[in-house]
């Protein structure tokens, strides 16, 4: 039920991308000043060579030119501290701690430097590491402008070794590319990753992150190719099949999405992977498998309310709407809004209580305004309420962000069919067909053919729909309704209704099927009586065709 361009799967993307050293936060470079990158490169070169005093000179100039350049300031702190200029290192570290109050590493760094200063001051007579000699400043080769205009530059002691402070390593080419992904500079990241692959054609991490780049661009098919390559090179990688599954879901390929998540779940236990796997299995009508996975989660995490809500969705699929409502109300009372509101909306929708269903979906959207699953649920309800304009607007909004969303195109196609915009509907259905077989696609094809009066074509498509989705009671009931409303299809409809009663006895659809069977039998009896009456002598008045 969950579609993810940005479902449970894509919200966790950053977790799976390797973080930069100590959670480095970087500001934009001064694009209009080519000197800054040159100074930064030179500073990092000296830093990597452990020439910390020279590194501080260059990095200090970068910070002077661009006070928001947190990367340069971060390495400047270490360069100053490791060259003995603890007081100046502390000032810059405090700037970072103030700028990023939620990042504990900066506060830790401040405390480490303070501890180092205290140790130095306690032994100043023995371990004096600075002199009062002024150093002449130059524009590039030195000349670090201090924060304190009256202070003097310090000359490091060669054998200075701080106790508490360990320098971070400079970023590797891969880490630099990942940083570009974090900054959403995808073209640069792609170029850097391709350079790595040229030199290291078996670098699984490079292929994985190239997949992340394409996924971020919504190029899901290209992303899948790269994730596959990464998985082949590193079969123990959990991240690649996990993200590959999200790509498959976004192009409507639930079968391969299920396979990818099963592969990921075999590599390691992960609740979110199991959640997504259960959701896909639910969409495929594999209720037992989905329920097993939700129960696995609840066995380890009994308070994982999203899994409880998932079980309620299974009950909806099984047609056990009363049981589903009890489960989702329990989740709501426990404070699990959003997803629980969404599922309650689905229950009300299945009960054809469209206004109440819409109210629940709107509540879910207040918690997550951009969730495509919620938006499309609202669109489906609006179609039933004949508000086609809003339904099309909602589907279009989802497609603008994710042009590969099959769910959005299905909504668009249905709205166009019901408004007799056949050309527009045909365009959407053709795009859906290119993504592979889909049960809803065949139902919509059948619906469009029936509206044209082509009963034979409609029957062919509805039969295909039933073959693919007949294991779900709601789909079987829709098929039976189609047969009932097709000339000569009453007996076939009754057979399907009987099968629903037998196969899904505890479902709401079994109750509805019994009502339909009674109606068909009543209609049949009435027709027989009319036929008997017609066989008697009459005044020549012929009864019209009656619908029951």
Protein backbone atom coordinates (compact mmCIF):
# COMPACT_ATOMS: atom_id res chain seq x y z
CA UNK A 1 0.00 0.00 0.00
CA UNK A 2 2.90 2.29 0.58
CA UNK A 3 4.32 3.89 -2.50
CA UNK A 4 7.42 5.25 -2.00
CA UNK A 5 8.95 7.83 -3.91
CA UNK A 6 9.64 9.10 -0.69
CA UNK A 7 7.78 6.28 1.48
CA UNK A 8 9.48 4.58 4.59
CA UNK A 9 12.22 3.50 2.09
CA UNK A 10 13.40 6.87 0.61
CA UNK A 11 13.22 8.84 4.00
CA UNK A 12 16.05 6.51 5.27
CA UNK A 13 18.31 7.11 2.29
CA UNK A 14 20.86 9.23 4.29
CA UNK A 15 21.25 6.45 6.83
CA UNK A 16 22.65 4.13 4.16
CA UNK A 17 25.07 6.64 2.60
CA UNK A 18 28.40 6.51 4.47
CA UNK A 19 28.77 9.66 6.58
CA UNK A 20 31.63 12.07 6.27
CA UNK A 21 34.30 12.04 8.93
CA UNK A 22 32.85 13.26 12.25
CA UNK A 23 29.66 14.41 10.49
CA UNK A 24 31.34 17.23 8.62
CA UNK A 25 28.99 20.02 7.58
CA UNK A 26 30.04 22.14 4.63
CA UNK A 27 28.87 25.47 3.27
CA UNK A 28 28.95 26.41 -0.39
CA UNK A 29 32.22 27.45 -1.94
CA UNK A 30 32.74 31.03 -3.03
CA UNK A 31 31.92 30.36 -6.65
CA UNK A 32 32.97 33.80 -7.77
CA UNK A 33 36.41 33.50 -6.16
CA UNK A 34 38.71 30.89 -7.68
CA UNK A 35 41.26 31.57 -4.95
CA UNK A 36 39.28 29.78 -2.25
CA UNK A 37 39.39 26.30 -3.85
CA UNK A 38 43.12 26.74 -4.53
CA UNK A 39 43.82 27.75 -0.92
CA UNK A 40 41.65 24.93 0.39
CA UNK A 41 43.43 22.33 -1.75
CA UNK A 42 46.82 23.60 -0.64
CA UNK A 43 45.73 23.63 3.00
CA UNK A 44 44.40 20.06 2.79
CA UNK A 45 47.58 18.96 1.05
CA UNK A 46 49.69 20.26 3.97
CA UNK A 47 47.20 18.78 6.41
CA UNK A 48 47.44 15.32 4.86
CA UNK A 49 51.25 15.63 5.05
CA UNK A 50 50.91 16.52 8.77
CA UNK A 51 52.36 19.99 8.18
CA UNK A 52 49.79 21.51 10.47
CA UNK A 53 51.24 24.99 10.83
CA UNK A 54 51.32 25.51 7.05
CA UNK A 55 47.83 23.99 6.77
CA UNK A 56 46.54 26.49 9.35
CA UNK A 57 47.90 29.40 7.27
CA UNK A 58 46.08 28.35 4.11
CA UNK A 59 42.86 27.19 5.79
CA UNK A 60 42.78 30.37 7.87
CA UNK A 61 42.78 32.44 4.70
CA UNK A 62 39.82 30.43 3.37
CA UNK A 63 37.86 31.15 6.55
CA UNK A 64 38.75 34.85 6.34
CA UNK A 65 37.36 35.01 2.80
CA UNK A 66 34.30 32.87 3.50
CA UNK A 67 33.20 32.79 7.13
CA UNK A 68 30.54 30.19 6.28
CA UNK A 69 33.07 27.67 4.95
CA UNK A 70 32.63 25.14 7.76
CA UNK A 71 34.84 22.52 6.12
CA UNK A 72 37.84 24.81 6.12
CA UNK A 73 37.12 25.96 9.68
CA UNK A 74 36.77 22.36 10.85
CA UNK A 75 40.22 21.36 9.57
CA UNK A 76 41.60 24.71 10.70
CA UNK A 77 40.65 23.82 14.28
CA UNK A 78 42.68 20.62 14.10
CA UNK A 79 45.58 22.30 12.31
CA UNK A 80 45.79 24.98 14.99
CA UNK A 81 45.41 22.51 17.85
CA UNK A 82 47.99 20.11 16.44
CA UNK A 83 50.47 22.90 15.86
CA UNK A 84 50.15 24.16 19.41
CA UNK A 85 47.84 27.14 18.92
CA UNK A 86 45.18 25.86 21.31
CA UNK A 87 43.60 29.22 22.16
CA UNK A 88 42.89 30.07 18.54
CA UNK A 89 41.70 26.50 17.88
CA UNK A 90 39.23 26.89 20.75
CA UNK A 91 37.77 30.10 19.28
CA UNK A 92 37.12 28.45 15.94
CA UNK A 93 35.76 25.27 17.58
CA UNK A 94 33.31 27.38 19.60
CA UNK A 95 32.10 29.02 16.38
CA UNK A 96 31.32 25.57 14.93
CA UNK A 97 29.63 24.43 18.15
CA UNK A 98 27.44 27.53 18.14
CA UNK A 99 26.60 27.14 14.46
CA UNK A 100 25.73 23.43 14.76
CA UNK A 101 24.24 23.07 18.28
CA UNK A 102 22.60 19.73 17.44
CA UNK A 103 25.91 18.09 16.42
CA UNK A 104 27.58 16.78 19.62
CA UNK A 105 30.98 16.25 17.97
CA UNK A 106 31.66 20.00 17.97
CA UNK A 107 30.88 20.36 21.66
CA UNK A 108 33.12 17.35 22.32
CA UNK A 109 35.89 18.98 20.31
CA UNK A 110 35.55 22.20 22.35
CA UNK A 111 35.85 20.20 25.59
CA UNK A 112 38.91 18.33 24.30
CA UNK A 113 40.68 21.57 23.42
CA UNK A 114 39.79 23.11 26.79
CA UNK A 115 41.22 20.06 28.53
CA UNK A 116 44.40 20.35 26.46
CA UNK A 117 44.72 24.06 27.37
CA UNK A 118 44.30 23.26 31.06
CA UNK A 119 46.99 20.60 30.85
CA UNK A 120 49.35 22.94 29.03
CA UNK A 121 48.79 25.80 31.48
CA UNK A 122 49.37 23.48 34.43
CA UNK A 123 52.78 22.60 33.02
CA UNK A 124 53.56 25.89 31.29
CA UNK A 125 56.94 26.32 32.94
CA UNK A 126 58.03 22.91 31.68
CA UNK A 127 56.20 22.53 28.40
CA UNK A 128 56.03 26.05 27.02
CA UNK A 129 55.16 25.57 23.36
CA UNK A 130 54.83 29.10 22.01
CA UNK A 131 56.95 32.22 21.55
CA UNK A 132 56.11 35.92 21.28
CA UNK A 133 57.95 36.29 17.99
CA UNK A 134 55.80 37.99 15.41
CA UNK A 135 55.54 36.28 12.02
CA UNK A 136 55.30 38.44 8.93
CA UNK A 137 52.03 37.91 7.07
CA UNK A 138 51.82 37.21 3.35
CA UNK A 139 48.83 37.11 1.04
CA UNK A 140 48.89 33.39 0.21
CA UNK A 141 51.94 31.69 1.69
CA UNK A 142 50.98 32.22 5.29
CA UNK A 143 49.36 35.34 6.62
CA UNK A 144 46.55 33.67 8.53
CA UNK A 145 44.50 36.56 9.87
CA UNK A 146 43.61 35.86 13.48
CA UNK A 147 40.15 36.34 14.93
CA UNK A 148 41.79 38.45 17.61
CA UNK A 149 43.21 41.50 15.83
CA UNK A 150 45.71 42.13 18.63
CA UNK A 151 46.97 38.58 18.94
CA UNK A 152 50.17 37.24 17.46
CA UNK A 153 50.76 34.14 15.38
CA UNK A 154 52.37 31.30 17.23
CA UNK A 155 55.29 29.27 16.14
CA UNK A 156 54.69 25.53 16.73
CA UNK A 157 56.99 23.33 18.66
CA UNK A 158 58.17 20.53 16.36
CA UNK A 159 57.65 17.70 18.83
CA UNK A 160 54.32 18.96 20.13
CA UNK A 161 51.94 16.03 20.72
CA UNK A 162 48.48 16.79 22.12
CA UNK A 163 47.02 14.03 24.25
CA UNK A 164 43.26 14.41 23.80
CA UNK A 165 42.98 15.48 20.18
CA UNK A 166 43.18 12.99 17.32
CA UNK A 167 43.20 14.46 13.83
CA UNK A 168 40.57 13.29 11.35
CA UNK A 169 41.75 11.89 8.04
CA UNK A 170 41.25 13.93 4.86
CA UNK A 171 38.30 12.82 2.73
CA UNK A 172 38.90 10.04 0.22
CA UNK A 173 37.69 10.50 -3.40
CA UNK A 174 34.64 8.37 -2.60
CA UNK A 175 33.85 10.44 0.50
CA UNK A 176 34.17 13.61 -1.56
CA UNK A 177 31.68 12.21 -4.09
CA UNK A 178 29.30 11.26 -1.28
CA UNK A 179 29.57 14.81 0.07
CA UNK A 180 28.50 16.09 -3.33
CA UNK A 181 25.47 13.78 -3.19
CA UNK A 182 24.60 15.18 0.25
CA UNK A 183 24.84 18.67 -1.22
CA UNK A 184 22.61 17.59 -4.15
CA UNK A 185 25.36 18.39 -6.67
CA UNK A 186 24.59 15.26 -8.66
CA UNK A 187 26.47 16.09 -11.87
CA UNK A 188 29.74 16.59 -9.99
CA UNK A 189 29.11 13.48 -7.89
CA UNK A 190 28.45 11.42 -11.02
CA UNK A 191 31.65 12.65 -12.66
CA UNK A 192 33.71 11.86 -9.57
CA UNK A 193 32.18 8.39 -9.20
CA UNK A 194 32.78 7.55 -12.85
CA UNK A 195 36.44 8.52 -12.41
CA UNK A 196 36.69 6.13 -9.46
CA UNK A 197 35.07 3.34 -11.50
CA UNK A 198 37.54 3.89 -14.35
CA UNK A 199 40.41 3.30 -11.93
CA UNK A 200 38.60 0.68 -9.84
CA UNK A 201 36.04 -1.15 -12.02
CA UNK A 202 35.15 -3.48 -9.13
CA UNK A 203 34.46 -0.76 -6.58
CA UNK A 204 31.02 -1.75 -5.28
CA UNK A 205 30.63 1.42 -3.20
CA UNK A 206 31.17 3.60 -6.26
CA UNK A 207 28.45 1.74 -8.19
CA UNK A 208 26.13 1.90 -5.18
CA UNK A 209 26.49 5.65 -4.86
CA UNK A 210 26.08 6.08 -8.60
CA UNK A 211 22.76 4.31 -8.05
CA UNK A 212 21.97 6.82 -5.31
CA UNK A 213 22.68 9.67 -7.74
CA UNK A 214 20.29 8.25 -10.36
CA UNK A 215 17.68 7.48 -7.72
CA UNK A 216 17.87 11.09 -6.50
CA UNK A 217 17.24 12.21 -10.08
CA UNK A 218 14.24 9.82 -10.28
CA UNK A 219 16.02 7.81 -13.01
CA UNK A 220 14.93 4.55 -11.41
CA UNK A 221 15.87 2.18 -14.23
CA UNK A 222 19.43 3.55 -14.35
CA UNK A 223 19.61 3.38 -10.55
CA UNK A 224 18.56 -0.28 -10.65
CA UNK A 225 21.39 -1.10 -13.07
CA UNK A 226 23.95 0.42 -10.72
CA UNK A 227 22.50 -1.19 -7.59
CA UNK A 228 22.55 -4.57 -9.36
CA UNK A 229 26.22 -4.08 -10.26
CA UNK A 230 27.01 -3.08 -6.67
CA UNK A 231 25.20 -6.17 -5.34
CA UNK A 232 27.08 -8.48 -7.71
CA UNK A 233 30.41 -6.98 -6.64
CA UNK A 234 29.48 -7.07 -2.95
CA UNK A 235 26.82 -9.76 -2.25
CA UNK A 236 26.93 -8.92 1.46
CA UNK A 237 25.75 -5.35 0.91
CA UNK A 238 22.36 -4.70 2.50
CA UNK A 239 22.03 -1.16 1.19
CA UNK A 240 22.04 -1.90 -2.55
CA UNK A 241 19.14 -4.40 -2.68
CA UNK A 242 17.24 -2.33 -0.12
CA UNK A 243 17.33 0.81 -2.26
CA UNK A 244 16.89 -1.20 -5.47
CA UNK A 245 13.54 -2.42 -4.10
CA UNK A 246 12.40 1.17 -3.69
CA UNK A 247 13.28 1.86 -7.33
CA UNK A 248 11.29 -1.17 -8.48
CA UNK A 249 8.28 -0.02 -6.47
CA UNK A 250 8.44 3.41 -8.04
CA UNK A 251 8.13 1.91 -11.51
CA UNK A 252 5.36 -0.44 -10.40
CA UNK A 253 7.41 -3.65 -10.51
CA UNK A 254 6.27 -5.17 -7.21
CA UNK A 255 7.49 -8.67 -8.05
CA UNK A 256 11.14 -7.60 -8.38
CA UNK A 257 10.74 -5.22 -5.44
CA UNK A 258 9.70 -8.22 -3.33
CA UNK A 259 12.71 -10.23 -4.54
CA UNK A 260 15.11 -7.37 -3.73
CA UNK A 261 13.75 -6.92 -0.22
CA UNK A 262 13.84 -10.66 0.43
CA UNK A 263 17.51 -10.61 -0.59
CA UNK A 264 18.20 -7.63 1.70
CA UNK A 265 16.38 -9.27 4.63
CA UNK A 266 18.50 -12.41 4.27
CA UNK A 267 21.66 -10.33 4.63
CA UNK A 268 20.55 -8.80 7.92
CA UNK A 269 17.47 -8.29 10.08
CA UNK A 270 16.06 -4.82 9.54
CA UNK A 271 12.59 -3.75 10.67
CA UNK A 272 12.13 -1.21 7.91
CA UNK A 273 13.10 -3.74 5.24
CA UNK A 274 10.58 -6.21 6.67
CA UNK A 275 7.93 -3.48 6.82
CA UNK A 276 8.42 -2.65 3.16
CA UNK A 277 8.49 -6.33 2.24
CA UNK A 278 5.20 -6.92 4.05
CA UNK A 279 3.63 -3.91 2.32
CA UNK A 280 4.64 -5.20 -1.11
CA UNK A 281 3.33 -8.67 -0.31
CA UNK A 282 0.09 -7.06 0.79
CA UNK A 283 -0.15 -5.28 -2.58
CA UNK A 284 0.47 -8.61 -4.31
CA UNK A 285 -2.29 -10.29 -2.31
CA UNK A 286 0.17 -12.48 -0.39
CA UNK A 287 -1.63 -12.02 2.91
CA UNK A 288 -0.03 -14.93 4.77
CA UNK A 289 3.52 -13.87 3.88
CA UNK A 290 2.77 -10.24 4.77
CA UNK A 291 1.24 -11.24 8.11
CA UNK A 292 4.27 -13.43 8.93
CA UNK A 293 6.61 -10.49 8.38
CA UNK A 294 4.52 -8.05 10.43
CA UNK A 295 4.45 -10.60 13.26
CA UNK A 296 8.25 -11.01 13.06
CA UNK A 297 8.57 -7.29 13.68
CA UNK A 298 6.07 -7.28 16.55
CA UNK A 299 7.80 -10.27 18.18
CA UNK A 300 10.95 -8.18 18.57
CA UNK A 301 9.32 -4.75 18.89
CA UNK A 302 5.81 -5.06 20.38
CA UNK A 303 5.36 -1.27 20.35
CA UNK A 304 6.11 -0.96 16.63
CA UNK A 305 2.63 0.40 15.89
CA UNK A 306 3.22 0.68 12.13
CA UNK A 307 3.38 -3.12 12.03
CA UNK A 308 0.07 -3.30 13.91
CA UNK A 309 -1.43 -0.91 11.38
CA UNK A 310 0.00 -3.15 8.65
CA UNK A 311 -1.94 -6.09 10.10
CA UNK A 312 -5.08 -3.95 9.88
CA UNK A 313 -4.36 -3.42 6.17
CA UNK A 314 -4.20 -7.20 5.73
CA UNK A 315 -7.63 -7.48 7.31
CA UNK A 316 -8.89 -4.92 4.78
CA UNK A 317 -7.48 -7.01 1.96
CA UNK A 318 -9.18 -10.08 3.44
CA UNK A 319 -12.44 -8.17 3.67
CA UNK A 320 -12.49 -8.35 7.49
CA UNK A 321 -13.33 -4.69 7.86
CA UNK A 322 -14.72 -4.79 11.40
CA UNK A 323 -11.59 -6.48 12.72
CA UNK A 324 -9.45 -4.00 10.79
CA UNK A 325 -11.35 -1.08 12.31
CA UNK A 326 -10.81 -2.40 15.84
CA UNK A 327 -7.07 -2.72 15.19
CA UNK A 328 -6.65 0.71 13.69
CA UNK A 329 -8.71 2.38 16.46
CA UNK A 330 -6.36 0.76 18.98
CA UNK A 331 -3.40 2.22 17.10
CA UNK A 332 -5.03 5.67 17.06
CA UNK A 333 -5.70 5.52 20.80
CA UNK A 334 -1.99 4.76 21.28
CA UNK A 335 -1.16 8.00 19.48
CA UNK A 336 -0.15 6.55 16.12
CA UNK A 337 -1.63 9.14 13.78
CA UNK A 338 -0.85 9.58 10.11
CA UNK A 339 -0.58 6.00 8.94
CA UNK A 340 -3.43 4.90 11.20
CA UNK A 341 -5.63 7.70 9.84
CA UNK A 342 -4.74 6.58 6.33
CA UNK A 343 -5.69 2.95 7.00
CA UNK A 344 -8.92 4.01 8.71
CA UNK A 345 -9.68 5.99 5.55
CA UNK A 346 -9.16 2.82 3.49
CA UNK A 347 -11.59 0.92 5.71
CA UNK A 348 -14.24 3.60 5.33
CA UNK A 349 -13.57 3.71 1.58
CA UNK A 350 -14.13 -0.07 1.37
CA UNK A 351 -17.42 0.46 3.25
CA UNK A 352 -18.33 3.13 0.66
CA UNK A 353 -18.42 5.86 3.33
CA UNK A 354 -16.58 8.31 1.12
CA UNK A 355 -17.01 11.56 3.06
CA UNK A 356 -15.79 9.96 6.29
CA UNK A 357 -12.93 8.30 4.41
CA UNK A 358 -11.88 11.65 2.95
CA UNK A 359 -11.83 13.20 6.43
CA UNK A 360 -9.40 10.51 7.65
CA UNK A 361 -7.11 10.91 4.64
CA UNK A 362 -7.02 14.68 5.19
CA UNK A 363 -5.95 14.00 8.79
CA UNK A 364 -3.15 11.76 7.50
CA UNK A 365 -2.05 14.49 5.10
CA UNK A 366 -1.81 17.02 7.91
CA UNK A 367 0.86 14.75 9.42
CA UNK A 368 2.61 14.17 6.09
CA UNK A 369 1.48 16.72 3.44
CA UNK A 370 3.67 15.38 0.62
CA UNK A 371 3.13 11.65 1.12
CA UNK A 372 2.19 10.40 -2.38
CA UNK A 373 0.30 7.40 -0.99
CA UNK A 374 -2.01 9.67 1.00
CA UNK A 375 -2.43 12.08 -1.91
CA UNK A 376 -3.45 9.26 -4.27
CA UNK A 377 -5.86 7.82 -1.68
CA UNK A 378 -7.56 11.22 -1.60
CA UNK A 379 -7.67 11.20 -5.40
CA UNK A 380 -9.34 7.76 -5.45
CA UNK A 381 -11.99 8.91 -2.99
CA UNK A 382 -12.63 12.07 -4.99
CA UNK A 383 -13.23 9.96 -8.09
CA UNK A 384 -15.95 8.08 -6.22
CA UNK A 385 -17.37 11.44 -5.15
CA UNK A 386 -17.26 12.57 -8.81
CA UNK A 387 -14.73 15.35 -8.06
CA UNK A 388 -12.62 14.42 -11.09
CA UNK A 389 -10.79 17.75 -11.34
CA UNK A 390 -9.30 17.47 -7.89
CA UNK A 391 -8.46 13.81 -8.42
CA UNK A 392 -6.55 14.64 -11.61
CA UNK A 393 -4.79 17.55 -9.87
CA UNK A 394 -3.63 15.26 -7.05
CA UNK A 395 -2.38 12.59 -9.47
CA UNK A 396 -0.59 15.26 -11.52
CA UNK A 397 1.14 16.59 -8.40
CA UNK A 398 2.51 13.11 -7.65
CA UNK A 399 3.63 12.64 -11.27
CA UNK A 400 5.43 15.99 -11.24
CA UNK A 401 7.66 14.65 -8.48
CA UNK A 402 7.80 11.07 -9.74
CA UNK A 403 7.00 10.62 -13.44
CA UNK A 404 7.36 6.84 -13.03
CA UNK A 405 4.51 6.50 -10.51
CA UNK A 406 2.22 3.79 -11.88
CA UNK A 407 -0.28 4.38 -9.06
CA UNK A 408 -0.68 8.02 -10.12
CA UNK A 409 -1.14 7.10 -13.77
CA UNK A 410 -3.81 4.54 -12.84
CA UNK A 411 -5.73 7.28 -11.00
CA UNK A 412 -5.37 9.63 -13.98
CA UNK A 413 -6.55 6.95 -16.43
CA UNK A 414 -9.63 6.11 -14.32
CA UNK A 415 -10.61 9.77 -14.00
CA UNK A 416 -10.22 10.30 -17.76
CA UNK A 417 -12.28 7.17 -18.57
CA UNK A 418 -15.13 8.28 -16.32
CA UNK A 419 -15.11 11.76 -17.91
CA UNK A 420 -15.10 10.23 -21.43
CA UNK A 421 -11.67 11.69 -22.19
CA UNK A 422 -10.61 8.53 -24.01
CA UNK A 423 -7.53 9.94 -25.76
CA UNK A 424 -6.06 11.13 -22.46
CA UNK A 425 -6.95 7.83 -20.80
CA UNK A 426 -5.37 5.88 -23.66
CA UNK A 427 -2.13 7.87 -23.31
CA UNK A 428 -1.92 7.01 -19.60
CA UNK A 429 -2.72 3.32 -20.18
CA UNK A 430 -0.03 3.03 -22.85
CA UNK A 431 2.56 4.43 -20.43
CA UNK A 432 1.41 1.98 -17.75
CA UNK A 433 1.65 -0.96 -20.17
CA UNK A 434 5.30 -0.13 -20.87
CA UNK A 435 6.11 -0.79 -17.19
CA UNK A 436 4.83 -4.36 -17.28
CA UNK A 437 1.65 -6.25 -16.44
CA UNK A 438 -0.69 -4.73 -13.89
CA UNK A 439 -4.09 -6.05 -12.77
CA UNK A 440 -5.62 -2.57 -12.43
CA UNK A 441 -4.51 -1.80 -15.98
CA UNK A 442 -6.68 -4.63 -17.32
CA UNK A 443 -9.64 -3.55 -15.21
CA UNK A 444 -9.42 -0.02 -16.60
CA UNK A 445 -9.10 -1.39 -20.13
CA UNK A 446 -12.25 -3.41 -19.51
CA UNK A 447 -14.04 -0.39 -18.07
CA UNK A 448 -13.17 1.72 -21.11
CA UNK A 449 -14.27 -1.01 -23.54
CA UNK A 450 -17.60 -1.44 -21.72
CA UNK A 451 -18.31 2.29 -21.89
CA UNK A 452 -17.75 2.05 -25.65
CA UNK A 453 -20.22 -0.85 -25.80
CA UNK A 454 -17.56 -3.41 -26.76
CA UNK A 455 -18.65 -6.15 -24.36
CA UNK A 456 -16.39 -8.78 -25.87
CA UNK A 457 -13.25 -6.64 -25.38
CA UNK A 458 -14.44 -5.67 -21.90
CA UNK A 459 -14.94 -9.33 -20.95
CA UNK A 460 -11.47 -10.27 -22.20
CA UNK A 461 -9.82 -7.57 -20.07
CA UNK A 462 -11.91 -8.23 -16.97
CA UNK A 463 -11.07 -11.92 -17.24
CA UNK A 464 -7.37 -11.01 -17.23
CA UNK A 465 -7.95 -8.74 -14.23
CA UNK A 466 -9.65 -11.61 -12.38
CA UNK A 467 -6.82 -14.03 -13.24
CA UNK A 468 -4.26 -11.65 -11.73
CA UNK A 469 -6.18 -10.28 -8.73
CA UNK A 470 -8.96 -12.79 -8.06
CA UNK A 471 -7.26 -13.97 -4.89
CA UNK A 472 -8.28 -10.67 -3.26
CA UNK A 473 -11.97 -10.73 -2.31
CA UNK A 474 -12.61 -7.11 -3.30
CA UNK A 475 -11.25 -7.80 -6.80
CA UNK A 476 -13.29 -10.99 -7.14
CA UNK A 477 -16.40 -9.05 -6.13
CA UNK A 478 -15.69 -6.32 -8.72
CA UNK A 479 -15.36 -9.01 -11.39
CA UNK A 480 -18.67 -10.57 -10.35
CA UNK A 481 -20.37 -7.16 -10.48
CA UNK A 482 -19.04 -6.68 -14.01
CA UNK A 483 -20.43 -10.05 -15.08
CA UNK A 484 -23.79 -9.32 -13.49
CA UNK A 485 -24.09 -6.10 -15.45
CA UNK A 486 -23.11 -7.72 -18.75
CA UNK A 487 -25.75 -9.21 -21.01
CA UNK A 488 -25.92 -12.96 -20.49
CA UNK A 489 -23.48 -12.87 -17.59
CA UNK A 490 -25.85 -13.43 -14.66
CA UNK A 491 -25.15 -17.15 -14.26
CA UNK A 492 -21.37 -16.59 -14.39
CA UNK A 493 -21.71 -13.77 -11.86
CA UNK A 494 -23.66 -16.02 -9.51
CA UNK A 495 -20.93 -18.66 -9.73
CA UNK A 496 -18.27 -16.10 -8.75
CA UNK A 497 -20.43 -14.80 -5.90
CA UNK A 498 -20.81 -18.39 -4.65
CA UNK A 499 -17.02 -18.84 -4.81
CA UNK A 500 -16.51 -15.65 -2.75
CA UNK A 501 -18.88 -16.92 -0.05
CA UNK A 502 -17.06 -20.24 0.07
CA UNK A 503 -13.50 -18.90 -0.11
CA UNK A 504 -13.84 -15.74 2.01
CA UNK A 505 -16.66 -16.62 4.44
CA UNK A 506 -15.64 -14.12 7.12
CA UNK A 507 -15.28 -11.17 4.77
CA UNK A 508 -17.70 -8.33 4.17
CA UNK A 509 -17.63 -9.37 0.52
CA UNK A 510 -19.16 -12.74 1.42
CA UNK A 511 -22.09 -10.86 2.97
CA UNK A 512 -22.41 -8.69 -0.12
CA UNK A 513 -22.11 -11.74 -2.37
CA UNK A 514 -24.99 -13.45 -0.53
CA UNK A 515 -27.13 -10.35 -1.08
CA UNK A 516 -26.23 -10.39 -4.79
CA UNK A 517 -27.06 -14.11 -5.09
CA UNK A 518 -30.46 -13.48 -3.51
CA UNK A 519 -31.06 -10.62 -5.92
CA UNK A 520 -30.08 -12.74 -8.94
CA UNK A 521 -32.35 -15.58 -7.83
CA UNK A 522 -35.22 -13.18 -7.31
CA UNK A 523 -34.59 -11.72 -10.75
CA UNK A 524 -34.49 -15.20 -12.28
CA UNK A 525 -37.77 -16.19 -10.64
CA UNK A 526 -39.41 -13.00 -11.82
CA UNK A 527 -38.17 -13.60 -15.33
CA UNK A 528 -39.60 -17.15 -15.27
CA UNK A 529 -43.00 -15.87 -14.15
CA UNK A 530 -42.99 -13.28 -16.94
CA UNK A 531 -42.15 -15.98 -19.46
CA UNK A 532 -45.05 -18.11 -18.21
CA UNK A 533 -47.38 -15.14 -18.41
CA UNK A 534 -46.21 -14.39 -21.97
CA UNK A 535 -47.11 -17.96 -23.01
CA UNK A 536 -50.78 -17.33 -22.16
CA UNK A 537 -53.18 -15.63 -24.60
CA UNK A 538 -52.88 -11.88 -24.35
CA UNK A 539 -54.14 -8.71 -25.81
CA UNK A 540 -50.98 -8.45 -27.85
CA UNK A 541 -49.25 -6.03 -25.48
CA UNK A 542 -45.59 -6.99 -25.14
CA UNK A 543 -43.84 -6.25 -21.85
CA UNK A 544 -40.70 -4.15 -22.05
CA UNK A 545 -37.25 -5.24 -20.88
CA UNK A 546 -37.14 -4.94 -17.13
CA UNK A 547 -34.07 -4.53 -14.96
CA UNK A 548 -34.07 -5.82 -11.42
